[in-house]
Amino acid sequence: MLEKELLDTIIDICDIREDVPEDLSFDAPLIGPDSIFGLDSLDAVEIVVMIQENYGIRIQGQDQGRQIISTLRSLANFIRSKEMAPG
């Protein structure tokens, strides 16, 4: 499942040391004060770079990026939509 793959990668690149709750919702906030992992804007930059390197997908603009990486589900849906896009 892409969401789980993304979670594992984000835990690694953002050096998250907290235990991941078994019932973690893929709709939980990923970045900001409500983030279960306490991720901030610097972590967001690392996630955007990882998406470009691992999936060959660019996230354009800060506003678009903020929406795309707001949750694991929104990030996974964005990647799926780009992978399925023609060309």
C-alpha atoms as a PDB file:
ATOM      1  CA  MET A   1       0.000   0.000   0.000  1.00  0.00           C
ATOM      2  CA  LEU A   2       1.435   3.344  -1.062  1.00  0.00           C
ATOM      3  CA  GLU A   3       0.406   5.145   2.146  1.00  0.00           C
ATOM      4  CA  LYS A   4       2.351   2.639   4.262  1.00  0.00           C
ATOM      5  CA  GLU A   5       5.357   2.877   1.931  1.00  0.00           C
ATOM      6  CA  LEU A   6       5.290   6.678   2.233  1.00  0.00           C
ATOM      7  CA  LEU A   7       4.936   6.481   6.012  1.00  0.00           C
ATOM      8  CA  ASP A   8       7.963   4.209   6.314  1.00  0.00           C
ATOM      9  CA  THR A   9      10.033   6.481   4.065  1.00  0.00           C
ATOM     10  CA  ILE A  10       8.981   9.644   5.913  1.00  0.00           C
ATOM     11  CA  ILE A  11       9.805   8.046   9.274  1.00  0.00           C
ATOM     12  CA  ASP A  12      13.273   7.308   7.905  1.00  0.00           C
ATOM     13  CA  ILE A  13      14.091  10.626   6.187  1.00  0.00           C
ATOM     14  CA  CYS A  14      12.615  12.790   8.964  1.00  0.00           C
ATOM     15  CA  ASP A  15      14.308  10.702  11.673  1.00  0.00           C
ATOM     16  CA  ILE A  16      11.081  10.085  13.582  1.00  0.00           C
ATOM     17  CA  ARG A  17      11.814   8.285  16.819  1.00  0.00           C
ATOM     18  CA  GLU A  18       8.289   8.039  18.240  1.00  0.00           C
ATOM     19  CA  ASP A  19       6.389   4.793  17.963  1.00  0.00           C
ATOM     20  CA  VAL A  20       3.803   4.812  15.202  1.00  0.00           C
ATOM     21  CA  PRO A  21       0.326   4.154  16.594  1.00  0.00           C
ATOM     22  CA  GLU A  22      -1.233   0.954  15.268  1.00  0.00           C
ATOM     23  CA  ASP A  23      -4.436   2.863  14.500  1.00  0.00           C
ATOM     24  CA  LEU A  24      -2.738   5.769  12.713  1.00  0.00           C
ATOM     25  CA  SER A  25      -5.156   7.362  10.278  1.00  0.00           C
ATOM     26  CA  PHE A  26      -3.801   8.128   6.821  1.00  0.00           C
ATOM     27  CA  ASP A  27      -5.975  11.266   7.044  1.00  0.00           C
ATOM     28  CA  ALA A  28      -4.153  12.600  10.131  1.00  0.00           C
ATOM     29  CA  PRO A  29      -2.223  15.866   9.632  1.00  0.00           C
ATOM     30  CA  LEU A  30       1.314  15.151   8.505  1.00  0.00           C
ATOM     31  CA  ILE A  31       2.888  18.599   8.952  1.00  0.00           C
ATOM     32  CA  GLY A  32       2.335  21.368  11.487  1.00  0.00           C
ATOM     33  CA  PRO A  33       1.151  21.705  15.065  1.00  0.00           C
ATOM     34  CA  ASP A  34      -1.423  18.913  14.738  1.00  0.00           C
ATOM     35  CA  SER A  35       1.079  16.458  13.237  1.00  0.00           C
ATOM     36  CA  ILE A  36       1.284  13.278  15.278  1.00  0.00           C
ATOM     37  CA  PHE A  37       5.046  13.263  14.582  1.00  0.00           C
ATOM     38  CA  GLY A  38       5.643  16.980  15.132  1.00  0.00           C
ATOM     39  CA  LEU A  39       6.869  17.512  11.575  1.00  0.00           C
ATOM     40  CA  ASP A  40       7.575  21.080  10.506  1.00  0.00           C
ATOM     41  CA  SER A  41       8.362  23.034   7.342  1.00  0.00           C
ATOM     42  CA  LEU A  42      11.917  21.700   7.155  1.00  0.00           C
ATOM     43  CA  ASP A  43      10.541  18.162   7.218  1.00  0.00           C
ATOM     44  CA  ALA A  44       8.088  19.176   4.488  1.00  0.00           C
ATOM     45  CA  VAL A  45      10.993  20.206   2.264  1.00  0.00           C
ATOM     46  CA  GLU A  46      12.644  16.817   2.837  1.00  0.00           C
ATOM     47  CA  ILE A  47       9.381  15.070   1.912  1.00  0.00           C
ATOM     48  CA  VAL A  48       9.021  17.113  -1.297  1.00  0.00           C
ATOM     49  CA  VAL A  49      12.614  16.276  -2.284  1.00  0.00           C
ATOM     50  CA  MET A  50      12.002  12.592  -1.523  1.00  0.00           C
ATOM     51  CA  ILE A  51       8.902  12.570  -3.765  1.00  0.00           C
ATOM     52  CA  GLN A  52      10.925  14.036  -6.605  1.00  0.00           C
ATOM     53  CA  GLU A  53      13.819  11.597  -6.130  1.00  0.00           C
ATOM     54  CA  ASN A  54      11.793   8.425  -5.470  1.00  0.00           C
ATOM     55  CA  TYR A  55       8.837   8.971  -7.795  1.00  0.00           C
ATOM     56  CA  GLY A  56      10.135  11.475 -10.351  1.00  0.00           C
ATOM     57  CA  ILE A  57       7.270  13.840  -9.531  1.00  0.00           C
ATOM     58  CA  ARG A  58       7.705  17.550  -8.931  1.00  0.00           C
ATOM     59  CA  ILE A  59       5.478  19.402  -6.507  1.00  0.00           C
ATOM     60  CA  GLN A  60       5.146  22.957  -7.808  1.00  0.00           C
ATOM     61  CA  GLY A  61       4.556  25.883  -5.494  1.00  0.00           C
ATOM     62  CA  GLN A  62       4.259  26.226  -1.759  1.00  0.00           C
ATOM     63  CA  ASP A  63       0.447  26.361  -1.664  1.00  0.00           C
ATOM     64  CA  GLN A  64       0.061  23.257  -3.821  1.00  0.00           C
ATOM     65  CA  GLY A  65       2.740  21.494  -1.794  1.00  0.00           C
ATOM     66  CA  ARG A  66       1.030  22.315   1.475  1.00  0.00           C
ATOM     67  CA  GLN A  67      -2.203  20.712   0.265  1.00  0.00           C
ATOM     68  CA  ILE A  68      -0.497  17.691  -1.262  1.00  0.00           C
ATOM     69  CA  ILE A  69       1.498  16.769   1.818  1.00  0.00           C
ATOM     70  CA  SER A  70      -1.186  17.632   4.339  1.00  0.00           C
ATOM     71  CA  THR A  71      -1.886  13.922   4.959  1.00  0.00           C
ATOM     72  CA  LEU A  72      -0.449  10.576   3.892  1.00  0.00           C
ATOM     73  CA  ARG A  73      -3.634   9.913   1.915  1.00  0.00           C
ATOM     74  CA  SER A  74      -3.461  13.210  -0.005  1.00  0.00           C
ATOM     75  CA  LEU A  75       0.205  12.584  -0.789  1.00  0.00           C
ATOM     76  CA  ALA A  76      -0.477   9.028  -1.982  1.00  0.00           C
ATOM     77  CA  ASN A  77      -3.441  10.194  -4.089  1.00  0.00           C
ATOM     78  CA  PHE A  78      -1.270  12.871  -5.718  1.00  0.00           C
ATOM     79  CA  ILE A  79       1.417  10.312  -6.600  1.00  0.00           C
ATOM     80  CA  ARG A  80      -1.181   7.892  -7.973  1.00  0.00           C
ATOM     81  CA  SER A  81      -2.726  10.631 -10.118  1.00  0.00           C
ATOM     82  CA  LYS A  82       0.667  11.562 -11.583  1.00  0.00           C
ATOM     83  CA  GLU A  83       1.673   7.956 -12.200  1.00  0.00           C
ATOM     84  CA  MET A  84      -1.571   7.305 -14.058  1.00  0.00           C
ATOM     85  CA  ALA A  85      -1.394  10.529 -16.098  1.00  0.00           C
ATOM     86  CA  PRO A  86      -0.606  10.019 -19.784  1.00  0.00           C
ATOM     87  CA  GLY A  87       2.767  11.072 -21.086  1.00  0.00           C
END
